[in-house]
Amino acid sequence: MISIVVLTKNEEKDLPRCLNSVSWCKDIHVLDSGSTDRTVDIAIQHGAKISINPFKSFGEQRNYALDNLELHNWILFLDADEVVTKKFKAELIKAIRDADEDVAGYYCCWKMMLYGKWLKRCDNFPKWQFRLMRKGKARFTDFGHGQKEDKVHGEIKYIKEPYLHYGFSKGWFYWIERHNKYSTQEAVARSGKRPPFKKIFTKDASVRNPALKSWLSRIPGWPFLRFFQAYFLNLGFTEGTPGFIYCANMAYYEFLIQIKMKELKREKRKFDNSRAVSANMTFENT
């Protein structure tokens, strides 16, 4: 048996499509963060079990679900703007059926959709996230604006068939506002101590990707390089106008992260200087 957990807050537009795609599951949980629209009503209409918990971060919210919801042995985490296809469902069921006891879960990937087009090249497909897990075998920890696996007891394998991700379904006003907030969280995460350089060459995507982000964000002109890599080197221009719009906005997102990282560095330098001056004054007065 499998449980599906969908995180929501004001998702009345996307939630029906998501829940319709998992109507085959008999144990659907909607973990809401205090919606003020029709999200909860829609979830009830689709037969989902409703829980409420104030949102602090994606990692904490997923851990809350693990700790407080009555879930089956296998758990699939979804966001409201994601859709399970028939092919993904088939691979999901097969993965669970074939999993040995030492398998803690599976990394899953998505098809980023914009204006009805799959941005395979622009979005550097595949991108992996830990979304399907065996109960009691792992936790989540925050990273940037998202989360990654933590305290894993066993092997994590891959489901290569993607699900669909409609990350722009609420429009560009919402996307830009949300990613301005996300860029702050990413700047804080990437400004910490850089992972060892060798980690960017590991096969483990959950280790490689954070290391890449941390190192690349410090390269002068990285936002332009991000655009050039995705749009030209990765042939993103073959995906038409949606591809150009996506690449331009992702470059802008990286620009926001980079300038916020520089601001954090300046603030840290001021703080360190202030502490040094304070320490000197204290020493002179003793």
C-alpha atoms as a PDB file:
ATOM      1  CA  MET A   1       0.000   0.000   0.000  1.00  0.00           C
ATOM      2  CA  ILE A   2       1.070   3.555  -0.717  1.00  0.00           C
ATOM      3  CA  SER A   3       0.139   6.902   0.817  1.00  0.00           C
ATOM      4  CA  ILE A   4       0.365  10.154  -1.138  1.00  0.00           C
ATOM      5  CA  VAL A   5       1.021  13.423   0.681  1.00  0.00           C
ATOM      6  CA  VAL A   6       0.339  16.724  -1.094  1.00  0.00           C
ATOM      7  CA  LEU A   7       1.573  19.971   0.458  1.00  0.00           C
ATOM      8  CA  THR A   8      -0.734  22.940  -0.130  1.00  0.00           C
ATOM      9  CA  LYS A   9      -1.402  26.585   0.561  1.00  0.00           C
ATOM     10  CA  ASN A  10      -3.946  28.430  -1.594  1.00  0.00           C
ATOM     11  CA  GLU A  11      -3.775  25.853  -4.369  1.00  0.00           C
ATOM     12  CA  GLU A  12      -7.364  25.912  -5.622  1.00  0.00           C
ATOM     13  CA  LYS A  13      -6.161  26.336  -9.213  1.00  0.00           C
ATOM     14  CA  ASP A  14      -3.667  23.456  -9.336  1.00  0.00           C
ATOM     15  CA  LEU A  15      -4.980  20.992  -6.772  1.00  0.00           C
ATOM     16  CA  PRO A  16      -7.859  19.472  -8.820  1.00  0.00           C
ATOM     17  CA  ARG A  17      -5.469  18.449 -11.621  1.00  0.00           C
ATOM     18  CA  CYS A  18      -3.022  16.974  -9.129  1.00  0.00           C
ATOM     19  CA  LEU A  19      -5.655  15.000  -7.197  1.00  0.00           C
ATOM     20  CA  ASN A  20      -7.325  13.751 -10.379  1.00  0.00           C
ATOM     21  CA  SER A  21      -3.985  12.285 -11.456  1.00  0.00           C
ATOM     22  CA  VAL A  22      -3.740  10.206  -8.261  1.00  0.00           C
ATOM     23  CA  SER A  23      -7.392   9.179  -7.946  1.00  0.00           C
ATOM     24  CA  TRP A  24      -6.227   5.540  -8.149  1.00  0.00           C
ATOM     25  CA  CYS A  25      -4.648   5.879  -4.686  1.00  0.00           C
ATOM     26  CA  LYS A  26      -6.864   5.026  -1.710  1.00  0.00           C
ATOM     27  CA  ASP A  27      -4.857   6.975   0.884  1.00  0.00           C
ATOM     28  CA  ILE A  28      -4.344  10.618  -0.133  1.00  0.00           C
ATOM     29  CA  HIS A  29      -3.367  13.217   2.461  1.00  0.00           C
ATOM     30  CA  VAL A  30      -3.475  16.971   1.900  1.00  0.00           C
ATOM     31  CA  LEU A  31      -1.236  18.753   4.407  1.00  0.00           C
ATOM     32  CA  ASP A  32      -2.346  22.371   4.257  1.00  0.00           C
ATOM     33  CA  SER A  33      -0.544  25.430   5.621  1.00  0.00           C
ATOM     34  CA  GLY A  34      -3.582  27.626   6.242  1.00  0.00           C
ATOM     35  CA  SER A  35      -5.238  28.210   2.888  1.00  0.00           C
ATOM     36  CA  THR A  36      -7.737  31.047   2.602  1.00  0.00           C
ATOM     37  CA  ASP A  37      -9.181  29.939  -0.739  1.00  0.00           C
ATOM     38  CA  ARG A  38     -11.083  26.755  -1.688  1.00  0.00           C
ATOM     39  CA  THR A  39      -8.096  24.412  -1.349  1.00  0.00           C
ATOM     40  CA  VAL A  40      -9.443  22.466   1.630  1.00  0.00           C
ATOM     41  CA  ASP A  41     -12.941  22.186   0.129  1.00  0.00           C
ATOM     42  CA  ILE A  42     -11.485  20.800  -3.099  1.00  0.00           C
ATOM     43  CA  ALA A  43      -9.394  18.289  -1.171  1.00  0.00           C
ATOM     44  CA  ILE A  44     -12.481  17.102   0.729  1.00  0.00           C
ATOM     45  CA  GLN A  45     -14.445  16.780  -2.516  1.00  0.00           C
ATOM     46  CA  HIS A  46     -11.722  14.478  -3.858  1.00  0.00           C
ATOM     47  CA  GLY A  47     -11.826  12.290  -0.759  1.00  0.00           C
ATOM     48  CA  ALA A  48      -8.464  13.360   0.636  1.00  0.00           C
ATOM     49  CA  LYS A  49      -7.659  13.362   4.343  1.00  0.00           C
ATOM     50  CA  ILE A  50      -6.988  16.888   5.594  1.00  0.00           C
ATOM     51  CA  SER A  51      -4.352  18.010   8.089  1.00  0.00           C
ATOM     52  CA  ILE A  52      -3.298  21.550   8.983  1.00  0.00           C
ATOM     53  CA  ASN A  53       0.165  22.666  10.026  1.00  0.00           C
ATOM     54  CA  PRO A  54       1.753  26.152   9.713  1.00  0.00           C
ATOM     55  CA  PHE A  55       4.458  26.142   7.055  1.00  0.00           C
ATOM     56  CA  LYS A  56       8.035  26.795   8.149  1.00  0.00           C
ATOM     57  CA  SER A  57       9.981  25.047   5.406  1.00  0.00           C
ATOM     58  CA  PHE A  58       9.578  22.186   2.958  1.00  0.00           C
ATOM     59  CA  GLY A  59      11.846  19.930   4.977  1.00  0.00           C
ATOM     60  CA  GLU A  60      10.007  20.546   8.243  1.00  0.00           C
ATOM     61  CA  GLN A  61       6.602  20.172   6.603  1.00  0.00           C
ATOM     62  CA  ARG A  62       7.483  16.800   5.093  1.00  0.00           C
ATOM     63  CA  ASN A  63       8.907  15.627   8.434  1.00  0.00           C
ATOM     64  CA  TYR A  64       5.701  16.752  10.140  1.00  0.00           C
ATOM     65  CA  ALA A  65       3.796  14.485   7.768  1.00  0.00           C
ATOM     66  CA  LEU A  66       6.079  11.559   8.598  1.00  0.00           C
ATOM     67  CA  ASP A  67       5.646  12.143  12.334  1.00  0.00           C
ATOM     68  CA  ASN A  68       1.954  12.955  12.574  1.00  0.00           C
ATOM     69  CA  LEU A  69      -0.013  11.406   9.708  1.00  0.00           C
ATOM     70  CA  GLU A  70      -1.134   7.775   9.582  1.00  0.00           C
ATOM     71  CA  LEU A  71       0.761   6.647   6.492  1.00  0.00           C
ATOM     72  CA  HIS A  72       1.339   3.326   4.778  1.00  0.00           C
ATOM     73  CA  ASN A  73       4.723   1.696   4.306  1.00  0.00           C
ATOM     74  CA  TRP A  74       5.471   3.634   1.092  1.00  0.00           C
ATOM     75  CA  ILE A  75       4.971   7.394   0.832  1.00  0.00           C
ATOM     76  CA  LEU A  76       4.981   9.597  -2.271  1.00  0.00           C
ATOM     77  CA  PHE A  77       5.334  13.341  -1.681  1.00  0.00           C
ATOM     78  CA  LEU A  78       3.856  15.710  -4.257  1.00  0.00           C
ATOM     79  CA  ASP A  79       3.307  19.441  -4.619  1.00  0.00           C
ATOM     80  CA  ALA A  80      -0.037  20.726  -5.847  1.00  0.00           C
ATOM     81  CA  ASP A  81       1.407  21.837  -9.201  1.00  0.00           C
ATOM     82  CA  GLU A  82       2.642  18.319  -9.995  1.00  0.00           C
ATOM     83  CA  VAL A  83       0.835  15.597 -11.938  1.00  0.00           C
ATOM     84  CA  VAL A  84       1.329  11.831 -11.940  1.00  0.00           C
ATOM     85  CA  THR A  85       1.159  10.365 -15.438  1.00  0.00           C
ATOM     86  CA  LYS A  86       0.065   6.817 -16.271  1.00  0.00           C
ATOM     87  CA  LYS A  87       3.646   5.879 -17.134  1.00  0.00           C
ATOM     88  CA  PHE A  88       5.004   7.322 -13.890  1.00  0.00           C
ATOM     89  CA  LYS A  89       2.317   5.460 -11.934  1.00  0.00           C
ATOM     90  CA  ALA A  90       3.311   2.190 -13.613  1.00  0.00           C
ATOM     91  CA  GLU A  91       7.013   2.716 -12.826  1.00  0.00           C
ATOM     92  CA  LEU A  92       6.147   3.753  -9.275  1.00  0.00           C
ATOM     93  CA  ILE A  93       4.205   0.560  -8.614  1.00  0.00           C
ATOM     94  CA  LYS A  94       6.917  -1.554 -10.231  1.00  0.00           C
ATOM     95  CA  ALA A  95       9.625   0.137  -8.129  1.00  0.00           C
ATOM     96  CA  ILE A  96       7.745  -0.579  -4.909  1.00  0.00           C
ATOM     97  CA  ARG A  97       7.031  -4.165  -5.917  1.00  0.00           C
ATOM     98  CA  ASP A  98      10.676  -4.858  -6.834  1.00  0.00           C
ATOM     99  CA  ALA A  99      12.302  -3.032  -3.907  1.00  0.00           C
ATOM    100  CA  ASP A 100      14.539  -5.058  -1.632  1.00  0.00           C
ATOM    101  CA  GLU A 101      14.352  -4.518   2.115  1.00  0.00           C
ATOM    102  CA  ASP A 102      17.484  -2.364   2.042  1.00  0.00           C
ATOM    103  CA  VAL A 103      15.911   0.165  -0.357  1.00  0.00           C
ATOM    104  CA  ALA A 104      15.033   3.354   1.543  1.00  0.00           C
ATOM    105  CA  GLY A 105      13.358   5.086  -1.382  1.00  0.00           C
ATOM    106  CA  TYR A 106      13.679   6.560  -4.837  1.00  0.00           C
ATOM    107  CA  TYR A 107      14.780   9.764  -6.488  1.00  0.00           C
ATOM    108  CA  CYS A 108      12.179  11.026  -8.955  1.00  0.00           C
ATOM    109  CA  CYS A 109      12.402  13.609 -11.747  1.00  0.00           C
ATOM    110  CA  TRP A 110       9.927  15.875 -13.498  1.00  0.00           C
ATOM    111  CA  LYS A 111       9.065  17.350 -16.869  1.00  0.00           C
ATOM    112  CA  MET A 112       9.001  21.144 -16.483  1.00  0.00           C
ATOM    113  CA  MET A 113       5.982  22.388 -18.443  1.00  0.00           C
ATOM    114  CA  LEU A 114       5.506  25.925 -19.781  1.00  0.00           C
ATOM    115  CA  TYR A 115       2.713  26.915 -22.179  1.00  0.00           C
ATOM    116  CA  GLY A 116       2.072  23.224 -22.796  1.00  0.00           C
ATOM    117  CA  LYS A 117       5.674  22.520 -23.814  1.00  0.00           C
ATOM    118  CA  TRP A 118       8.162  20.275 -22.039  1.00  0.00           C
ATOM    119  CA  LEU A 119      11.346  22.266 -21.406  1.00  0.00           C
ATOM    120  CA  LYS A 120      13.644  19.278 -21.500  1.00  0.00           C
ATOM    121  CA  ARG A 121      16.792  21.115 -22.590  1.00  0.00           C
ATOM    122  CA  CYS A 122      16.239  24.450 -20.839  1.00  0.00           C
ATOM    123  CA  ASP A 123      15.586  22.791 -17.489  1.00  0.00           C
ATOM    124  CA  ASN A 124      18.624  20.494 -17.710  1.00  0.00           C
ATOM    125  CA  PHE A 125      16.513  17.340 -17.494  1.00  0.00           C
ATOM    126  CA  PRO A 126      16.663  15.201 -15.412  1.00  0.00           C
ATOM    127  CA  LYS A 127      16.699  16.900 -12.018  1.00  0.00           C
ATOM    128  CA  TRP A 128      16.332  14.494  -9.113  1.00  0.00           C
ATOM    129  CA  GLN A 129      14.460  14.846  -5.845  1.00  0.00           C
ATOM    130  CA  PHE A 130      13.858  12.324  -3.088  1.00  0.00           C
ATOM    131  CA  ARG A 131      10.072  11.918  -3.302  1.00  0.00           C
ATOM    132  CA  LEU A 132       9.229   8.227  -2.823  1.00  0.00           C
ATOM    133  CA  MET A 133      10.333   6.684   0.456  1.00  0.00           C
ATOM    134  CA  ARG A 134       9.810   3.672   2.656  1.00  0.00           C
ATOM    135  CA  LYS A 135       8.362   4.656   6.026  1.00  0.00           C
ATOM    136  CA  GLY A 136      10.950   4.961   8.780  1.00  0.00           C
ATOM    137  CA  LYS A 137      13.922   4.794   6.414  1.00  0.00           C
ATOM    138  CA  ALA A 138      14.708   8.508   5.992  1.00  0.00           C
ATOM    139  CA  ARG A 139      13.979  12.076   7.014  1.00  0.00           C
ATOM    140  CA  PHE A 140      14.228  15.432   5.242  1.00  0.00           C
ATOM    141  CA  THR A 141      16.439  18.426   5.855  1.00  0.00           C
ATOM    142  CA  ASP A 142      16.165  21.929   4.420  1.00  0.00           C
ATOM    143  CA  PHE A 143      18.441  23.062   1.633  1.00  0.00           C
ATOM    144  CA  GLY A 144      17.977  26.483   0.037  1.00  0.00           C
ATOM    145  CA  HIS A 145      14.288  26.976  -0.634  1.00  0.00           C
ATOM    146  CA  GLY A 146      13.701  23.233  -0.907  1.00  0.00           C
ATOM    147  CA  GLN A 147      14.740  20.091   0.874  1.00  0.00           C
ATOM    148  CA  LYS A 148      16.861  16.976   0.498  1.00  0.00           C
ATOM    149  CA  GLU A 149      17.001  13.574   2.129  1.00  0.00           C
ATOM    150  CA  ASP A 150      18.509  13.144   5.582  1.00  0.00           C
ATOM    151  CA  LYS A 151      19.288  10.270   7.972  1.00  0.00           C
ATOM    152  CA  VAL A 152      18.854   7.679   5.248  1.00  0.00           C
ATOM    153  CA  HIS A 153      18.927   4.032   6.324  1.00  0.00           C
ATOM    154  CA  GLY A 154      19.434   2.085   3.127  1.00  0.00           C
ATOM    155  CA  GLU A 155      19.903   2.585  -0.593  1.00  0.00           C
ATOM    156  CA  ILE A 156      18.188   5.248  -2.692  1.00  0.00           C
ATOM    157  CA  LYS A 157      17.445   4.198  -6.258  1.00  0.00           C
ATOM    158  CA  TYR A 158      15.994   6.066  -9.251  1.00  0.00           C
ATOM    159  CA  ILE A 159      12.651   6.118 -11.048  1.00  0.00           C
ATOM    160  CA  LYS A 160      13.591   7.418 -14.494  1.00  0.00           C
ATOM    161  CA  GLU A 161      10.069   7.946 -15.819  1.00  0.00           C
ATOM    162  CA  PRO A 162       9.158  11.589 -14.988  1.00  0.00           C
ATOM    163  CA  TYR A 163       6.019  13.142 -13.615  1.00  0.00           C
ATOM    164  CA  LEU A 164       4.806  16.579 -14.803  1.00  0.00           C
ATOM    165  CA  HIS A 165       5.607  19.853 -13.064  1.00  0.00           C
ATOM    166  CA  TYR A 166       3.523  22.962 -13.876  1.00  0.00           C
ATOM    167  CA  GLY A 167       5.706  25.475 -12.085  1.00  0.00           C
ATOM    168  CA  PHE A 168       4.281  28.475 -13.958  1.00  0.00           C
ATOM    169  CA  SER A 169       0.588  27.648 -13.678  1.00  0.00           C
ATOM    170  CA  LYS A 170      -0.165  30.679 -11.487  1.00  0.00           C
ATOM    171  CA  GLY A 171       1.441  33.140 -13.879  1.00  0.00           C
ATOM    172  CA  TRP A 172       4.634  35.182 -13.959  1.00  0.00           C
ATOM    173  CA  PHE A 173       3.618  37.688 -11.277  1.00  0.00           C
ATOM    174  CA  TYR A 174       3.358  34.839  -8.778  1.00  0.00           C
ATOM    175  CA  TRP A 175       6.501  33.080 -10.053  1.00  0.00           C
ATOM    176  CA  ILE A 176       8.659  36.206  -9.788  1.00  0.00           C
ATOM    177  CA  GLU A 177       7.335  37.107  -6.340  1.00  0.00           C
ATOM    178  CA  ARG A 178       7.913  33.559  -5.065  1.00  0.00           C
ATOM    179  CA  HIS A 179      11.403  33.293  -6.559  1.00  0.00           C
ATOM    180  CA  ASN A 180      12.441  36.584  -5.039  1.00  0.00           C
ATOM    181  CA  LYS A 181      11.823  34.930  -1.670  1.00  0.00           C
ATOM    182  CA  TYR A 182      13.455  31.693  -2.808  1.00  0.00           C
ATOM    183  CA  SER A 183      16.556  33.571  -3.964  1.00  0.00           C
ATOM    184  CA  THR A 184      17.084  34.847  -0.414  1.00  0.00           C
ATOM    185  CA  GLN A 185      16.909  31.319   0.964  1.00  0.00           C
ATOM    186  CA  GLU A 186      19.277  30.053  -1.724  1.00  0.00           C
ATOM    187  CA  ALA A 187      21.722  32.892  -1.063  1.00  0.00           C
ATOM    188  CA  VAL A 188      21.888  31.964   2.608  1.00  0.00           C
ATOM    189  CA  ALA A 189      22.369  28.274   1.805  1.00  0.00           C
ATOM    190  CA  ARG A 190      25.048  28.874  -0.833  1.00  0.00           C
ATOM    191  CA  SER A 191      26.942  31.424   1.278  1.00  0.00           C
ATOM    192  CA  GLY A 192      27.947  28.853   3.840  1.00  0.00           C
ATOM    193  CA  LYS A 193      31.147  26.868   3.797  1.00  0.00           C
ATOM    194  CA  ARG A 194      31.749  25.508   0.312  1.00  0.00           C
ATOM    195  CA  PRO A 195      31.603  21.712  -0.033  1.00  0.00           C
ATOM    196  CA  PRO A 196      34.834  19.991  -1.107  1.00  0.00           C
ATOM    197  CA  PHE A 197      35.426  20.558  -4.827  1.00  0.00           C
ATOM    198  CA  LYS A 198      35.525  16.817  -5.497  1.00  0.00           C
ATOM    199  CA  LYS A 199      31.832  16.548  -4.625  1.00  0.00           C
ATOM    200  CA  ILE A 200      30.833  18.162  -7.934  1.00  0.00           C
ATOM    201  CA  PHE A 201      32.053  14.999  -9.665  1.00  0.00           C
ATOM    202  CA  THR A 202      30.121  12.475  -7.576  1.00  0.00           C
ATOM    203  CA  LYS A 203      27.372  10.403  -9.192  1.00  0.00           C
ATOM    204  CA  ASP A 204      25.005  11.126  -6.297  1.00  0.00           C
ATOM    205  CA  ALA A 205      22.820  14.012  -7.527  1.00  0.00           C
ATOM    206  CA  SER A 206      21.788  15.020  -4.003  1.00  0.00           C
ATOM    207  CA  VAL A 207      25.471  15.586  -3.171  1.00  0.00           C
ATOM    208  CA  ARG A 208      26.610  16.899  -6.561  1.00  0.00           C
ATOM    209  CA  ASN A 209      23.906  19.529  -7.143  1.00  0.00           C
ATOM    210  CA  PRO A 210      24.330  21.455  -3.845  1.00  0.00           C
ATOM    211  CA  ALA A 211      28.093  21.446  -4.391  1.00  0.00           C
ATOM    212  CA  LEU A 212      27.698  22.731  -7.959  1.00  0.00           C
ATOM    213  CA  LYS A 213      25.362  25.513  -6.835  1.00  0.00           C
ATOM    214  CA  SER A 214      27.747  26.603  -4.109  1.00  0.00           C
ATOM    215  CA  TRP A 215      30.786  26.748  -6.406  1.00  0.00           C
ATOM    216  CA  LEU A 216      29.126  28.134  -9.538  1.00  0.00           C
ATOM    217  CA  SER A 217      27.364  30.957  -7.679  1.00  0.00           C
ATOM    218  CA  ARG A 218      30.751  32.476  -6.860  1.00  0.00           C
ATOM    219  CA  ILE A 219      31.849  32.739 -10.508  1.00  0.00           C
ATOM    220  CA  PRO A 220      31.709  36.331 -11.864  1.00  0.00           C
ATOM    221  CA  GLY A 221      29.037  36.528 -14.543  1.00  0.00           C
ATOM    222  CA  TRP A 222      27.455  33.250 -13.502  1.00  0.00           C
ATOM    223  CA  PRO A 223      23.861  34.373 -14.335  1.00  0.00           C
ATOM    224  CA  PHE A 224      24.891  35.067 -17.948  1.00  0.00           C
ATOM    225  CA  LEU A 225      26.778  31.755 -18.089  1.00  0.00           C
ATOM    226  CA  ARG A 226      23.666  29.983 -16.773  1.00  0.00           C
ATOM    227  CA  PHE A 227      21.658  31.458 -19.639  1.00  0.00           C
ATOM    228  CA  PHE A 228      24.344  30.655 -22.218  1.00  0.00           C
ATOM    229  CA  GLN A 229      24.670  27.052 -21.040  1.00  0.00           C
ATOM    230  CA  ALA A 230      20.947  26.312 -21.043  1.00  0.00           C
ATOM    231  CA  TYR A 231      19.891  28.300 -24.108  1.00  0.00           C
ATOM    232  CA  PHE A 232      22.833  27.718 -26.447  1.00  0.00           C
ATOM    233  CA  LEU A 233      25.039  24.855 -25.281  1.00  0.00           C
ATOM    234  CA  ASN A 234      22.098  22.739 -24.158  1.00  0.00           C
ATOM    235  CA  LEU A 235      20.107  23.709 -27.292  1.00  0.00           C
ATOM    236  CA  GLY A 236      17.363  25.388 -25.307  1.00  0.00           C
ATOM    237  CA  PHE A 237      16.695  27.657 -28.287  1.00  0.00           C
ATOM    238  CA  THR A 238      15.098  24.640 -30.009  1.00  0.00           C
ATOM    239  CA  GLU A 239      12.245  24.908 -27.487  1.00  0.00           C
ATOM    240  CA  GLY A 240      11.025  28.172 -28.954  1.00  0.00           C
ATOM    241  CA  THR A 241       9.635  31.171 -27.100  1.00  0.00           C
ATOM    242  CA  PRO A 242       8.871  29.204 -23.905  1.00  0.00           C
ATOM    243  CA  GLY A 243      12.511  28.140 -23.830  1.00  0.00           C
ATOM    244  CA  PHE A 244      13.830  31.689 -24.139  1.00  0.00           C
ATOM    245  CA  ILE A 245      11.447  33.035 -21.488  1.00  0.00           C
ATOM    246  CA  TYR A 246      12.392  30.266 -19.089  1.00  0.00           C
ATOM    247  CA  CYS A 247      16.151  30.647 -19.592  1.00  0.00           C
ATOM    248  CA  ALA A 248      15.964  34.451 -19.210  1.00  0.00           C
ATOM    249  CA  ASN A 249      14.020  34.192 -15.959  1.00  0.00           C
ATOM    250  CA  MET A 250      16.286  31.506 -14.525  1.00  0.00           C
ATOM    251  CA  ALA A 251      19.284  33.724 -15.296  1.00  0.00           C
ATOM    252  CA  TYR A 252      17.522  36.568 -13.465  1.00  0.00           C
ATOM    253  CA  TYR A 253      16.887  34.211 -10.536  1.00  0.00           C
ATOM    254  CA  GLU A 254      20.594  33.342 -10.392  1.00  0.00           C
ATOM    255  CA  PHE A 255      21.392  37.075 -10.577  1.00  0.00           C
ATOM    256  CA  LEU A 256      19.230  37.717  -7.509  1.00  0.00           C
ATOM    257  CA  ILE A 257      20.967  34.906  -5.644  1.00  0.00           C
ATOM    258  CA  GLN A 258      24.411  36.206  -6.542  1.00  0.00           C
ATOM    259  CA  ILE A 259      23.830  39.825  -5.506  1.00  0.00           C
ATOM    260  CA  LYS A 260      22.216  38.665  -2.251  1.00  0.00           C
ATOM    261  CA  MET A 261      25.232  36.441  -1.570  1.00  0.00           C
ATOM    262  CA  LYS A 262      27.467  39.494  -2.010  1.00  0.00           C
ATOM    263  CA  GLU A 263      25.259  41.486   0.338  1.00  0.00           C
ATOM    264  CA  LEU A 264      25.464  38.746   2.963  1.00  0.00           C
ATOM    265  CA  LYS A 265      29.244  38.740   2.587  1.00  0.00           C
ATOM    266  CA  ARG A 266      29.403  42.510   3.117  1.00  0.00           C
ATOM    267  CA  GLU A 267      27.156  42.284   6.166  1.00  0.00           C
ATOM    268  CA  LYS A 268      29.307  39.523   7.621  1.00  0.00           C
ATOM    269  CA  ARG A 269      32.458  41.581   7.037  1.00  0.00           C
ATOM    270  CA  LYS A 270      30.882  44.575   8.823  1.00  0.00           C
ATOM    271  CA  PHE A 271      29.831  42.354  11.704  1.00  0.00           C
ATOM    272  CA  ASP A 272      33.302  40.809  12.003  1.00  0.00           C
ATOM    273  CA  ASN A 273      34.942  44.252  11.912  1.00  0.00           C
ATOM    274  CA  SER A 274      32.537  45.522  14.554  1.00  0.00           C
ATOM    275  CA  ARG A 275      33.364  42.582  16.814  1.00  0.00           C
ATOM    276  CA  ALA A 276      37.080  43.134  16.279  1.00  0.00           C
ATOM    277  CA  VAL A 277      36.797  46.824  17.222  1.00  0.00           C
ATOM    278  CA  SER A 278      34.713  45.934  20.263  1.00  0.00           C
ATOM    279  CA  ALA A 279      37.247  43.319  21.340  1.00  0.00           C
ATOM    280  CA  ASN A 280      40.129  45.808  20.977  1.00  0.00           C
ATOM    281  CA  MET A 281      38.317  48.430  23.050  1.00  0.00           C
ATOM    282  CA  THR A 282      37.634  45.876  25.755  1.00  0.00           C
ATOM    283  CA  PHE A 283      41.283  44.828  25.783  1.00  0.00           C
ATOM    284  CA  GLU A 284      42.508  48.437  26.005  1.00  0.00           C
ATOM    285  CA  ASN A 285      40.192  49.139  28.919  1.00  0.00           C
ATOM    286  CA  THR A 286      41.504  46.220  30.977  1.00  0.00           C
END
